[in-house]
Amino acid sequence: MKPKMIEPLMNKQKLNKRKILKIFAVVFMLLFLSSQMSFMTGASGTASAAGAEGFELQENSPASLDLDPGQLEIFSWWTAPGEKQGLDLLMESFQSEHTEMEVVNAAVEGGAGVNAKDVLKMRLLRGSPPDAFQVHAGAELKETFVAGDYLHPLTSLWEEKGWQDLYPPELKEMVRQNGEYYALPVTVHRANRIWYDRRLLEKYDLSPPASPEELVELVNELDERGETPLALGSRNLWPTTHIFEVLLASVASPADYRSLVAGERSWQSPEVERTLEYMQEILPHINEDHAGLSWHEACELVREEEAALTVMGTWARGYFTAHGLEEGEDYGRAALQNQKTGEPVFQLVVDTFAMPAEAGNQGYTQSWLEFTARPDIQRQFTEILGAVPPRSDIPEEELTSAIAAELRELRRRDSVPSIVHGAAVREVFVSALNEKLNVFLYENDIDETLEELENIAEIYLR
């Protein structure tokens, strides 16, 4: 049975039910968001510690260890299948080359860093940072960590190693602020991908979607066949917003998309409204247990032929590969065309490593950064994660056919920054957007959601 959206109000009984559901949804979102530290920078660039007192680290967690001078602590959120294997490769290979130190894996579970970022921010505030940490390039890096003076500039290392000649201009700009480099890109992911079970679509002689209209038609057709059309794992809220941003990247022109995230265009604009209309048509066809699942558990439904599709970035490729599935045989990928240009865009997500300003073992951290910048390491690491290597000097013929195809797409398509994954906007806006769109998931009220989105854009983007 598919989940049903709440119908328009017809009588007092329905009004009461609607109010109860709305209160429940809002209370749930507020409870979730209360666990997220604000730690966001304002216009003055001052970091806020609001909510910090209520956050406690687990006594014996890797993230709370007191490290001795001979240890190198690497902090990330790469814990899901595919991600974990990639991180293991990095750490084991580095450890084998650097026996003079002990490498400590301080990864914190939670897709998109939903839990790890809270732990990291608390540690930075307490003055006990890891030696290197994963962070999304773009607004997340610059407006949280650079603006708060929490990072050690890496410009001298970039210049010494000649990295400025080895990375594309767009990626360099995403890790540079006021003439200084602050991080090293290690993956390039594409957010706007749809993954589908080839076996299930072939069973009904159906084709993967190339437009939002085709996606709507496909989920309706699959529903009529008695299948679960779309797998969603909304437990951490951001996967709902991920669907929104993928649809928005198809509906809005690249220029209008950039204007929206820059706060220059109204979030009550026709392209945002149309995106919500598509969501309104698609969301009734998701799995009933979405609220209890993570992003990779949604991928598992596709892997187990319990759902036909899932909307997720190319880290889903790493998940499927880790479970032995073959792209093009067991599962496939699709991208929605932009309605204004007729071609898909490439929605950028870039993972980096950064060095905290107060890192205790900066010499070790520099060795780690030099290691993760090596072309052989980037090629192996990104292959496991399903990403494109960020260095521009890795030959295409050394990549898998699927990743080589993504690289060609990156080079020829117009690119826009991901909203959900730190590239486009401040984290505080993303948190608020997650809340509003997950209320929409239950409430289905387009007019109210448009008003709420414009309100948070006015507060956080302008």
Protein backbone atom coordinates (compact mmCIF):
# COMPACT_ATOMS: atom_id res chain seq x y z
CA MET A 1 0.00 0.00 0.00
CA LYS A 2 1.34 3.43 -0.88
CA PRO A 3 1.27 6.33 1.62
CA LYS A 4 -1.53 8.78 0.92
CA MET A 5 -1.25 12.55 1.07
CA ILE A 6 -3.66 14.43 3.30
CA GLU A 7 -6.75 15.44 1.35
CA PRO A 8 -8.10 19.02 1.27
CA LEU A 9 -10.23 19.94 4.31
CA MET A 10 -13.90 19.21 3.89
CA ASN A 11 -15.29 19.25 7.42
CA LYS A 12 -14.45 19.86 11.06
CA GLN A 13 -13.36 16.26 11.66
CA LYS A 14 -10.83 16.48 8.84
CA LEU A 15 -9.70 19.87 10.19
CA ASN A 16 -8.94 18.36 13.57
CA LYS A 17 -7.03 15.46 12.02
CA ARG A 18 -5.07 17.87 9.86
CA LYS A 19 -4.13 20.00 12.89
CA ILE A 20 -3.00 16.94 14.82
CA LEU A 21 -0.86 15.72 11.93
CA LYS A 22 0.61 19.16 11.43
CA ILE A 23 1.48 19.52 15.11
CA PHE A 24 3.05 16.05 15.11
CA ALA A 25 5.12 16.81 12.01
CA VAL A 26 6.29 20.18 13.31
CA VAL A 27 7.14 18.82 16.77
CA PHE A 28 9.12 16.00 15.16
CA MET A 29 11.07 18.45 13.02
CA LEU A 30 11.74 20.76 15.96
CA LEU A 31 12.98 17.87 18.09
CA PHE A 32 15.28 16.80 15.29
CA LEU A 33 16.57 20.29 14.66
CA SER A 34 17.11 20.92 18.38
CA SER A 35 19.77 18.21 18.24
CA GLN A 36 21.62 20.14 15.52
CA MET A 37 24.10 22.76 16.75
CA SER A 38 23.62 26.12 15.11
CA PHE A 39 27.36 26.84 14.74
CA MET A 40 26.45 28.83 11.65
CA THR A 41 28.16 32.09 10.77
CA GLY A 42 26.21 35.28 10.52
CA ALA A 43 26.97 38.28 8.40
CA SER A 44 29.75 39.23 10.79
CA GLY A 45 31.44 35.85 10.36
CA THR A 46 31.12 35.09 14.08
CA ALA A 47 30.45 31.47 14.96
CA SER A 48 27.55 30.77 17.28
CA ALA A 49 27.73 28.13 19.98
CA ALA A 50 24.00 28.04 20.61
CA GLY A 51 22.89 24.69 21.86
CA ALA A 52 26.43 23.50 22.53
CA GLU A 53 25.92 22.94 26.23
CA GLY A 54 23.36 20.23 25.60
CA PHE A 55 25.53 18.15 23.32
CA GLU A 56 27.68 15.38 24.78
CA LEU A 57 30.19 13.09 23.11
CA GLN A 58 30.16 9.41 23.88
CA GLU A 59 32.92 8.77 26.40
CA ASN A 60 34.58 6.00 24.42
CA SER A 61 33.77 7.12 20.89
CA PRO A 62 36.67 7.61 18.47
CA ALA A 63 35.64 11.24 18.17
CA SER A 64 36.30 11.83 21.89
CA LEU A 65 39.67 10.11 22.18
CA ASP A 66 42.68 11.94 23.60
CA LEU A 67 45.33 11.22 21.02
CA ASP A 68 49.03 11.00 21.77
CA PRO A 69 51.53 12.83 19.56
CA GLY A 70 52.17 9.68 17.50
CA GLN A 71 48.62 9.46 16.21
CA LEU A 72 46.85 10.97 13.22
CA GLU A 73 43.07 11.27 13.62
CA ILE A 74 40.98 11.39 10.43
CA PHE A 75 37.39 12.57 10.88
CA SER A 76 34.64 11.86 8.33
CA TRP A 77 31.13 10.50 7.84
CA TRP A 78 32.11 7.79 5.35
CA THR A 79 30.48 4.82 7.06
CA ALA A 80 27.88 3.51 4.57
CA PRO A 81 28.64 0.59 2.24
CA GLY A 82 30.98 1.81 -0.49
CA GLU A 83 32.07 4.84 1.51
CA LYS A 84 33.48 2.70 4.28
CA GLN A 85 35.48 0.54 1.87
CA GLY A 86 36.91 3.68 0.27
CA LEU A 87 37.93 5.16 3.59
CA ASP A 88 39.46 1.82 4.63
CA LEU A 89 41.56 1.86 1.46
CA LEU A 90 42.84 5.35 2.23
CA MET A 91 43.67 4.64 5.84
CA GLU A 92 45.22 1.21 5.34
CA SER A 93 47.33 2.35 2.38
CA PHE A 94 48.51 5.44 4.23
CA GLN A 95 49.26 3.44 7.36
CA SER A 96 51.38 0.96 5.40
CA GLU A 97 53.52 3.83 4.10
CA HIS A 98 53.72 5.70 7.43
CA THR A 99 54.52 3.23 10.17
CA GLU A 100 55.95 6.04 12.32
CA MET A 101 52.42 7.05 13.29
CA GLU A 102 49.12 5.39 14.17
CA VAL A 103 46.19 6.37 11.97
CA VAL A 104 42.90 6.65 13.89
CA ASN A 105 39.55 6.42 12.11
CA ALA A 106 37.16 8.87 13.81
CA ALA A 107 34.26 8.43 11.36
CA VAL A 108 30.77 9.22 12.68
CA GLU A 109 27.78 7.50 11.12
CA GLY A 110 25.11 9.51 9.33
CA GLY A 111 24.63 10.30 5.64
CA ALA A 112 25.64 13.78 4.39
CA GLY A 113 27.41 14.33 7.72
CA VAL A 114 24.12 14.84 9.54
CA ASN A 115 25.60 13.60 12.84
CA ALA A 116 29.31 14.04 12.17
CA LYS A 117 29.05 17.79 11.67
CA ASP A 118 27.62 18.27 15.16
CA VAL A 119 30.43 16.25 16.72
CA LEU A 120 33.05 18.11 14.69
CA LYS A 121 31.72 21.55 15.56
CA MET A 122 31.63 20.71 19.25
CA ARG A 123 35.22 19.55 19.13
CA LEU A 124 36.33 22.68 17.34
CA LEU A 125 34.55 24.83 19.92
CA ARG A 126 36.23 22.89 22.72
CA GLY A 127 39.64 23.24 21.14
CA SER A 128 40.13 19.49 20.61
CA PRO A 129 39.95 19.07 16.82
CA PRO A 130 40.92 16.02 14.76
CA ASP A 131 44.02 16.29 12.60
CA ALA A 132 42.07 16.34 9.33
CA PHE A 133 38.37 16.27 8.57
CA GLN A 134 35.97 15.78 5.67
CA VAL A 135 34.02 18.88 4.63
CA HIS A 136 31.95 19.82 1.59
CA ALA A 137 33.54 22.40 -0.69
CA GLY A 138 31.69 25.64 -1.31
CA ALA A 139 29.46 27.48 1.13
CA GLU A 140 29.76 24.86 3.88
CA LEU A 141 33.54 25.17 3.92
CA LYS A 142 33.69 28.93 3.54
CA GLU A 143 30.75 30.24 5.54
CA THR A 144 31.11 27.93 8.51
CA PHE A 145 34.72 26.93 8.91
CA VAL A 146 36.70 29.62 7.10
CA ALA A 147 34.53 32.44 8.42
CA GLY A 148 34.89 31.10 11.94
CA ASP A 149 38.73 30.96 11.71
CA TYR A 150 38.73 27.23 12.39
CA LEU A 151 41.03 26.23 9.51
CA HIS A 152 44.73 26.37 8.77
CA PRO A 153 45.31 27.80 5.25
CA LEU A 154 46.86 25.33 2.82
CA THR A 155 48.04 27.84 0.22
CA SER A 156 51.76 27.19 0.73
CA LEU A 157 51.17 23.44 0.31
CA TRP A 158 49.09 23.99 -2.83
CA GLU A 159 51.84 26.13 -4.31
CA GLU A 160 54.67 23.81 -3.25
CA LYS A 161 52.96 20.79 -4.84
CA GLY A 162 51.70 22.66 -7.90
CA TRP A 163 48.13 21.60 -7.22
CA GLN A 164 46.76 24.81 -8.71
CA ASP A 165 47.76 23.44 -12.12
CA LEU A 166 46.12 20.05 -11.51
CA TYR A 167 42.56 20.94 -10.43
CA PRO A 168 39.82 22.53 -12.58
CA PRO A 169 39.12 26.24 -11.95
CA GLU A 170 35.61 25.61 -10.60
CA LEU A 171 36.88 23.20 -7.95
CA LYS A 172 39.70 25.53 -6.96
CA GLU A 173 37.26 28.38 -6.41
CA MET A 174 35.13 26.16 -4.17
CA VAL A 175 38.03 25.73 -1.72
CA ARG A 176 39.55 29.22 -1.99
CA GLN A 177 38.62 32.33 -0.03
CA ASN A 178 40.37 35.72 -0.06
CA GLY A 179 43.26 34.28 -2.05
CA GLU A 180 43.90 31.37 0.33
CA TYR A 181 43.28 27.65 -0.25
CA TYR A 182 41.62 25.96 2.73
CA ALA A 183 40.94 22.39 1.63
CA LEU A 184 41.94 19.66 -0.82
CA PRO A 185 39.23 18.13 -3.09
CA VAL A 186 39.19 14.32 -3.03
CA THR A 187 35.89 13.44 -4.76
CA VAL A 188 33.50 14.98 -7.27
CA HIS A 189 29.98 13.58 -6.96
CA ARG A 190 26.91 14.29 -9.03
CA ALA A 191 23.77 14.88 -6.95
CA ASN A 192 21.16 14.70 -9.71
CA ARG A 193 21.03 11.00 -10.48
CA ILE A 194 18.11 8.56 -10.50
CA TRP A 195 19.02 4.90 -9.96
CA TYR A 196 16.73 2.15 -11.13
CA ASP A 197 16.42 -1.61 -11.00
CA ARG A 198 16.95 -2.70 -14.60
CA ARG A 199 15.37 -6.08 -13.94
CA LEU A 200 12.14 -4.58 -12.67
CA LEU A 201 11.80 -2.02 -15.46
CA GLU A 202 12.55 -4.65 -18.09
CA LYS A 203 9.92 -6.90 -16.54
CA TYR A 204 7.25 -4.34 -17.51
CA ASP A 205 9.02 -3.04 -20.64
CA LEU A 206 9.41 0.42 -19.07
CA SER A 207 12.11 3.02 -19.76
CA PRO A 208 13.96 5.18 -17.23
CA PRO A 209 12.76 8.78 -17.01
CA ALA A 210 14.47 11.67 -18.78
CA SER A 211 12.17 14.46 -17.55
CA PRO A 212 10.01 15.21 -14.48
CA GLU A 213 6.91 14.42 -16.55
CA GLU A 214 8.31 11.01 -17.47
CA LEU A 215 9.19 10.40 -13.81
CA VAL A 216 5.59 11.14 -12.80
CA GLU A 217 4.27 8.84 -15.54
CA LEU A 218 6.68 6.06 -14.53
CA VAL A 219 5.84 6.06 -10.83
CA ASN A 220 2.14 6.00 -11.64
CA GLU A 221 2.61 3.10 -14.05
CA LEU A 222 4.65 1.13 -11.52
CA ASP A 223 2.08 1.80 -8.83
CA GLU A 224 -0.65 0.41 -11.06
CA ARG A 225 1.50 -2.71 -11.51
CA GLY A 226 1.56 -3.21 -7.75
CA GLU A 227 5.23 -2.22 -7.30
CA THR A 228 6.75 0.31 -4.92
CA PRO A 229 7.84 2.95 -7.43
CA LEU A 230 10.22 5.17 -5.46
CA ALA A 231 12.43 4.36 -2.47
CA LEU A 232 13.04 7.19 0.00
CA GLY A 233 14.88 7.14 3.32
CA SER A 234 13.76 10.33 5.08
CA ARG A 235 14.98 9.51 8.59
CA ASN A 236 17.68 12.18 8.42
CA LEU A 237 15.39 14.63 6.55
CA TRP A 238 17.90 15.66 3.85
CA PRO A 239 16.95 12.90 1.33
CA THR A 240 13.55 14.57 0.92
CA THR A 241 15.30 17.84 0.14
CA HIS A 242 17.57 15.91 -2.21
CA ILE A 243 14.55 15.00 -4.35
CA PHE A 244 13.53 18.67 -4.31
CA GLU A 245 16.93 19.92 -5.49
CA VAL A 246 17.16 17.32 -8.26
CA LEU A 247 13.75 18.36 -9.58
CA LEU A 248 14.62 22.05 -9.19
CA ALA A 249 17.78 21.56 -11.24
CA SER A 250 15.56 20.20 -14.01
CA VAL A 251 12.85 22.85 -13.81
CA ALA A 252 14.87 26.05 -13.30
CA SER A 253 17.31 27.35 -15.85
CA PRO A 254 20.91 27.18 -14.60
CA ALA A 255 20.92 30.98 -14.29
CA ASP A 256 17.67 31.05 -12.29
CA TYR A 257 18.92 28.20 -10.08
CA ARG A 258 22.08 30.16 -9.26
CA SER A 259 20.00 33.28 -8.57
CA LEU A 260 17.80 31.35 -6.16
CA VAL A 261 20.71 30.03 -4.09
CA ALA A 262 22.36 33.45 -4.15
CA GLY A 263 19.22 34.98 -2.63
CA GLU A 264 18.66 37.14 -5.71
CA ARG A 265 15.43 35.47 -6.85
CA SER A 266 12.20 34.82 -4.97
CA TRP A 267 11.64 31.34 -3.57
CA GLN A 268 7.97 31.82 -4.50
CA SER A 269 8.99 31.90 -8.16
CA PRO A 270 7.26 29.73 -10.80
CA GLU A 271 10.13 27.21 -10.94
CA VAL A 272 9.97 26.54 -7.19
CA GLU A 273 6.19 26.21 -7.35
CA ARG A 274 6.46 23.78 -10.28
CA THR A 275 9.06 21.75 -8.41
CA LEU A 276 6.69 21.38 -5.47
CA GLU A 277 3.89 20.39 -7.85
CA TYR A 278 6.07 17.59 -9.22
CA MET A 279 6.87 16.49 -5.67
CA GLN A 280 3.16 16.52 -4.89
CA GLU A 281 2.62 14.07 -7.75
CA ILE A 282 5.60 11.86 -6.93
CA LEU A 283 5.58 11.57 -3.13
CA PRO A 284 2.38 9.50 -2.86
CA HIS A 285 4.36 6.69 -4.54
CA ILE A 286 7.16 6.29 -1.98
CA ASN A 287 7.67 3.39 0.41
CA GLU A 288 5.56 3.45 3.58
CA ASP A 289 8.54 3.01 5.91
CA HIS A 290 10.53 5.96 4.54
CA ALA A 291 10.67 7.77 7.90
CA GLY A 292 12.64 4.90 9.44
CA LEU A 293 15.23 4.49 6.66
CA SER A 294 18.53 6.12 5.74
CA TRP A 295 19.59 6.93 2.18
CA HIS A 296 21.48 3.67 1.75
CA GLU A 297 18.62 1.63 3.22
CA ALA A 298 16.47 3.16 0.47
CA CYS A 299 19.10 1.97 -2.01
CA GLU A 300 18.79 -1.47 -0.46
CA LEU A 301 15.10 -1.57 -1.46
CA VAL A 302 16.19 -1.09 -5.07
CA ARG A 303 18.95 -3.68 -4.70
CA GLU A 304 16.49 -6.22 -3.29
CA GLU A 305 13.92 -5.48 -6.06
CA GLU A 306 11.52 -4.11 -3.45
CA ALA A 307 11.41 -0.70 -5.14
CA ALA A 308 12.07 0.41 -8.69
CA LEU A 309 13.82 3.77 -8.28
CA THR A 310 15.65 6.00 -5.85
CA VAL A 311 16.85 9.59 -6.26
CA MET A 312 20.38 9.96 -4.89
CA GLY A 313 23.87 11.17 -5.74
CA THR A 314 26.61 9.07 -7.28
CA TRP A 315 27.64 7.75 -3.87
CA ALA A 316 24.75 5.34 -4.51
CA ARG A 317 26.97 3.78 -7.18
CA GLY A 318 29.50 3.02 -4.44
CA TYR A 319 26.75 1.37 -2.39
CA PHE A 320 25.62 -0.86 -5.26
CA THR A 321 29.20 -1.78 -6.19
CA ALA A 322 29.99 -2.72 -2.59
CA HIS A 323 27.12 -5.22 -2.78
CA GLY A 324 28.37 -6.79 -5.99
CA LEU A 325 25.89 -5.27 -8.42
CA GLU A 326 26.97 -4.40 -11.96
CA GLU A 327 26.00 -1.04 -13.42
CA GLY A 328 24.30 -1.51 -16.77
CA GLU A 329 23.33 -5.06 -15.89
CA ASP A 330 21.66 -5.10 -12.46
CA TYR A 331 20.93 -1.40 -12.15
CA GLY A 332 21.07 1.73 -14.27
CA ARG A 333 21.36 5.50 -13.91
CA ALA A 334 19.33 8.35 -15.36
CA ALA A 335 19.38 12.16 -15.27
CA LEU A 336 16.48 14.54 -15.86
CA GLN A 337 16.88 17.05 -18.67
CA ASN A 338 16.74 20.73 -17.85
CA GLN A 339 13.44 22.03 -19.21
CA LYS A 340 14.99 25.29 -20.37
CA THR A 341 18.12 23.97 -22.11
CA GLY A 342 17.01 20.47 -23.11
CA GLU A 343 20.18 19.01 -21.57
CA PRO A 344 20.82 17.68 -18.05
CA VAL A 345 22.97 19.80 -15.74
CA PHE A 346 25.70 18.43 -13.48
CA GLN A 347 24.79 19.14 -9.86
CA LEU A 348 28.11 19.38 -8.02
CA VAL A 349 29.02 17.83 -4.66
CA VAL A 350 32.70 18.02 -3.77
CA ASP A 351 34.24 16.28 -0.75
CA THR A 352 37.47 17.68 0.64
CA PHE A 353 39.89 17.29 3.51
CA ALA A 354 40.77 20.33 5.62
CA MET A 355 43.27 20.97 8.43
CA PRO A 356 41.99 22.57 11.65
CA ALA A 357 43.88 25.64 12.82
CA GLU A 358 44.52 23.95 16.17
CA ALA A 359 45.41 20.51 14.82
CA GLY A 360 48.08 19.01 17.05
CA ASN A 361 49.96 17.04 14.37
CA GLN A 362 50.11 19.38 11.39
CA GLY A 363 53.16 17.64 9.94
CA TYR A 364 51.26 14.35 9.93
CA THR A 365 48.21 16.11 8.44
CA GLN A 366 50.33 17.51 5.64
CA SER A 367 51.56 14.00 4.84
CA TRP A 368 47.91 12.84 4.75
CA LEU A 369 46.92 15.62 2.36
CA GLU A 370 49.86 14.91 0.07
CA PHE A 371 48.90 11.23 0.08
CA THR A 372 45.22 11.83 -0.75
CA ALA A 373 46.23 14.18 -3.58
CA ARG A 374 48.21 11.49 -5.41
CA PRO A 375 46.62 10.48 -8.73
CA ASP A 376 46.88 6.74 -8.05
CA ILE A 377 45.16 7.16 -4.69
CA GLN A 378 42.42 9.46 -5.99
CA ARG A 379 41.67 7.07 -8.85
CA GLN A 380 41.31 4.06 -6.54
CA PHE A 381 39.40 5.94 -3.85
CA THR A 382 36.86 7.56 -6.17
CA GLU A 383 36.28 4.30 -8.02
CA ILE A 384 35.14 2.67 -4.78
CA LEU A 385 32.92 5.62 -3.87
CA GLY A 386 31.45 5.93 -7.36
CA ALA A 387 32.78 9.46 -7.86
CA VAL A 388 34.87 11.32 -10.41
CA PRO A 389 38.47 12.01 -9.31
CA PRO A 390 38.94 15.78 -8.93
CA ARG A 391 42.44 15.92 -10.42
CA SER A 392 42.34 16.78 -14.11
CA ASP A 393 45.46 14.81 -15.07
CA ILE A 394 44.08 11.29 -14.46
CA PRO A 395 43.63 9.62 -17.87
CA GLU A 396 40.04 8.76 -18.74
CA GLU A 397 41.08 5.28 -19.88
CA GLU A 398 42.17 4.47 -16.31
CA LEU A 399 38.62 4.98 -15.04
CA THR A 400 35.71 2.57 -15.10
CA SER A 401 33.34 3.09 -18.02
CA ALA A 402 30.64 4.50 -15.74
CA ILE A 403 32.93 6.99 -14.01
CA ALA A 404 34.54 7.96 -17.31
CA ALA A 405 31.04 8.75 -18.58
CA GLU A 406 30.42 10.93 -15.51
CA LEU A 407 33.71 12.73 -16.17
CA ARG A 408 32.65 13.49 -19.74
CA GLU A 409 29.34 14.80 -18.43
CA LEU A 410 31.16 17.02 -15.94
CA ARG A 411 33.30 18.49 -18.71
CA ARG A 412 30.50 19.14 -21.19
CA ARG A 413 27.45 19.96 -19.05
CA ASP A 414 26.55 23.20 -17.33
CA SER A 415 27.16 22.69 -13.62
CA VAL A 416 25.21 24.03 -10.64
CA PRO A 417 26.09 23.64 -6.95
CA SER A 418 24.17 21.24 -4.71
CA ILE A 419 21.98 22.87 -2.09
CA VAL A 420 21.74 19.89 0.25
CA HIS A 421 25.41 18.96 0.18
CA GLY A 422 27.09 22.18 1.13
CA ALA A 423 28.13 23.63 -2.21
CA ALA A 424 25.52 26.36 -2.72
CA VAL A 425 24.22 27.78 0.56
CA ARG A 426 24.89 28.17 4.26
CA GLU A 427 24.17 25.19 6.50
CA VAL A 428 21.57 27.08 8.50
CA PHE A 429 19.49 27.54 5.33
CA VAL A 430 19.82 23.84 4.49
CA SER A 431 18.61 22.87 7.98
CA ALA A 432 15.59 25.15 7.67
CA LEU A 433 14.87 23.89 4.15
CA ASN A 434 15.03 20.28 5.37
CA GLU A 435 12.45 21.12 8.03
CA LYS A 436 10.03 22.86 5.67
CA LEU A 437 10.18 20.19 2.95
CA ASN A 438 9.68 17.34 5.40
CA VAL A 439 6.60 19.12 6.74
CA PHE A 440 5.49 19.36 3.09
CA LEU A 441 6.02 15.60 2.80
CA TYR A 442 3.19 15.14 5.30
CA GLU A 443 1.13 18.30 4.75
CA ASN A 444 1.17 18.64 0.95
CA ASP A 445 0.46 22.37 1.14
CA ILE A 446 2.19 24.13 -1.75
CA ASP A 447 1.08 27.70 -0.95
CA GLU A 448 2.14 27.50 2.67
CA THR A 449 5.46 25.88 1.74
CA LEU A 450 6.23 28.57 -0.84
CA GLU A 451 5.64 31.23 1.78
CA GLU A 452 7.84 29.40 4.29
CA LEU A 453 10.65 28.95 1.76
CA GLU A 454 10.60 32.65 0.90
CA ASN A 455 10.74 33.49 4.60
CA ILE A 456 13.84 31.39 5.26
CA ALA A 457 15.49 32.72 2.10
CA GLU A 458 14.89 36.28 3.37
CA ILE A 459 16.45 35.39 6.73
CA TYR A 460 19.42 33.28 5.64
CA LEU A 461 20.25 34.11 2.00
CA ARG A 462 19.82 37.89 1.80
